[in-house]
């Protein structure tokens, strides 16, 4: 039987570790796979083939000419039923005007700012839906 996987992508090691640990606490039966860039995430997603990911926690600002919307779109291409959340530390104006619309258009279930008081609860709600 396939172990459900959740992809965590963030270019900042400390934030990636925090998101991975939080995700593991929320979904202890899932395998948490981490990527430090969009390019690395694309390689991982492609290598997983049709098994893909049941969920994702994706930062917006990933560098290298890609953003979280690109990674969310790639996850969605493989599994249209994946539960994916954008998790970014952008300020409120930048979050609302740029990151959130792009993430939702790419197929994110939820776009979250890590600065929100209820960030962990809302992330838990999204990930609890993952297989």
Protein backbone atom coordinates (compact mmCIF):
# COMPACT_ATOMS: atom_id res chain seq x y z
CA UNK A 1 0.00 0.00 0.00
CA UNK A 2 1.16 3.49 -0.89
CA UNK A 3 2.13 5.77 2.02
CA UNK A 4 0.57 9.21 1.51
CA UNK A 5 3.16 11.90 0.78
CA UNK A 6 3.14 15.62 1.42
CA UNK A 7 5.64 17.92 -0.27
CA UNK A 8 7.04 20.89 1.67
CA UNK A 9 8.87 23.49 -0.43
CA UNK A 10 10.65 26.54 0.95
CA UNK A 11 14.01 28.06 0.07
CA UNK A 12 14.74 29.12 3.67
CA UNK A 13 16.07 26.15 5.68
CA UNK A 14 14.64 27.27 9.03
CA UNK A 15 11.17 27.93 7.60
CA UNK A 16 11.25 24.68 5.60
CA UNK A 17 12.14 22.77 8.79
CA UNK A 18 9.34 24.48 10.73
CA UNK A 19 6.78 23.71 8.00
CA UNK A 20 7.97 20.11 7.67
CA UNK A 21 7.81 19.54 11.45
CA UNK A 22 4.38 21.13 11.66
CA UNK A 23 3.14 19.07 8.72
CA UNK A 24 4.47 15.87 10.30
CA UNK A 25 2.64 16.72 13.56
CA UNK A 26 -0.58 17.35 11.64
CA UNK A 27 -0.25 14.23 9.48
CA UNK A 28 1.97 11.74 11.38
CA UNK A 29 1.11 8.84 9.05
CA UNK A 30 2.34 10.71 5.96
CA UNK A 31 5.79 10.78 4.45
CA UNK A 32 7.02 14.39 4.39
CA UNK A 33 9.34 15.19 1.52
CA UNK A 34 11.20 18.50 1.45
CA UNK A 35 12.53 20.61 -1.41
CA UNK A 36 14.57 23.80 -1.23
CA UNK A 37 13.66 25.18 -4.64
CA UNK A 38 11.03 24.95 -7.34
CA UNK A 39 13.50 23.12 -9.59
CA UNK A 40 14.15 20.49 -6.93
CA UNK A 41 10.40 20.19 -6.29
CA UNK A 42 9.78 19.62 -10.02
CA UNK A 43 12.37 16.81 -10.09
CA UNK A 44 10.82 15.18 -7.02
CA UNK A 45 7.28 15.50 -8.36
CA UNK A 46 8.30 14.05 -11.73
CA UNK A 47 10.23 11.20 -10.07
CA UNK A 48 7.18 10.22 -8.01
CA UNK A 49 5.23 9.61 -11.17
CA UNK A 50 1.58 8.75 -10.86
CA UNK A 51 1.78 8.12 -7.11
CA UNK A 52 2.48 11.83 -6.69
CA UNK A 53 1.55 13.76 -3.60
CA UNK A 54 -1.63 13.88 -1.59
CA UNK A 55 -0.75 17.30 -0.21
CA UNK A 56 1.66 20.17 -0.31
CA UNK A 57 2.82 23.13 1.76
CA UNK A 58 4.46 25.53 -0.66
CA UNK A 59 6.21 28.88 -0.15
CA UNK A 60 5.61 31.59 -2.73
CA UNK A 61 9.04 33.17 -3.24
CA UNK A 62 11.24 30.33 -4.46
CA UNK A 63 13.73 32.10 -6.72
CA UNK A 64 15.12 30.79 -9.97
CA UNK A 65 12.33 32.39 -11.98
CA UNK A 66 9.61 30.27 -10.34
CA UNK A 67 7.06 30.88 -7.64
CA UNK A 68 4.81 28.74 -5.50
CA UNK A 69 2.10 28.86 -8.16
CA UNK A 70 4.38 26.94 -10.53
CA UNK A 71 4.91 24.16 -7.98
CA UNK A 72 1.23 24.04 -7.03
CA UNK A 73 0.35 23.72 -10.73
CA UNK A 74 2.78 20.81 -11.16
CA UNK A 75 1.32 18.99 -8.14
CA UNK A 76 -2.19 19.60 -9.51
CA UNK A 77 -1.17 18.21 -12.92
CA UNK A 78 -0.25 14.92 -11.23
CA UNK A 79 -3.07 14.80 -8.68
CA UNK A 80 -6.06 17.11 -9.17
CA UNK A 81 -7.36 16.00 -5.77
CA UNK A 82 -4.24 16.91 -3.75
CA UNK A 83 -4.76 19.29 -0.85
CA UNK A 84 -2.24 22.06 -1.27
CA UNK A 85 -1.64 25.20 0.77
CA UNK A 86 0.47 28.20 -0.03
CA UNK A 87 2.39 29.21 3.12
CA UNK A 88 4.25 32.48 2.75
CA UNK A 89 5.65 35.13 5.08
CA UNK A 90 4.91 38.01 2.72
CA UNK A 91 3.45 41.18 4.20
CA UNK A 92 -0.33 41.53 4.06
CA UNK A 93 -0.53 43.82 1.02
CA UNK A 94 1.87 41.74 -1.07
CA UNK A 95 0.18 38.54 0.07
CA UNK A 96 -3.33 39.72 -0.85
CA UNK A 97 -2.39 41.42 -4.13
CA UNK A 98 0.08 38.96 -5.62
CA UNK A 99 0.80 35.69 -3.83
CA UNK A 100 -2.75 34.68 -2.88
CA UNK A 101 -4.36 35.24 -6.32
CA UNK A 102 -1.55 33.40 -8.12
CA UNK A 103 -1.66 30.46 -5.71
CA UNK A 104 -5.43 30.12 -5.89
CA UNK A 105 -5.39 30.39 -9.70
CA UNK A 106 -2.80 27.59 -9.78
CA UNK A 107 -5.12 25.38 -7.74
CA UNK A 108 -4.18 25.87 -4.09
CA UNK A 109 -6.93 24.85 -1.68
CA UNK A 110 -5.87 27.67 0.63
CA UNK A 111 -3.43 30.58 0.57
CA UNK A 112 -2.03 31.33 4.00
CA UNK A 113 0.31 33.86 5.51
CA UNK A 114 2.54 32.41 8.21
CA UNK A 115 2.00 35.73 9.99
CA UNK A 116 -1.71 35.01 10.53
CA UNK A 117 -2.67 34.19 14.12
CA UNK A 118 -4.60 31.12 13.00
CA UNK A 119 -2.00 29.91 10.48
CA UNK A 120 -1.35 26.53 12.14
CA UNK A 121 -5.06 25.79 12.62
CA UNK A 122 -5.89 26.69 9.02
CA UNK A 123 -2.98 24.64 7.66
CA UNK A 124 -4.19 21.72 9.76
CA UNK A 125 -7.64 22.03 8.20
CA UNK A 126 -6.21 21.85 4.67
CA UNK A 127 -3.87 18.95 5.40
CA UNK A 128 -6.48 16.97 7.32
CA UNK A 129 -8.26 16.54 4.00
CA UNK A 130 -5.21 14.93 2.36
CA UNK A 131 -5.55 11.17 1.87
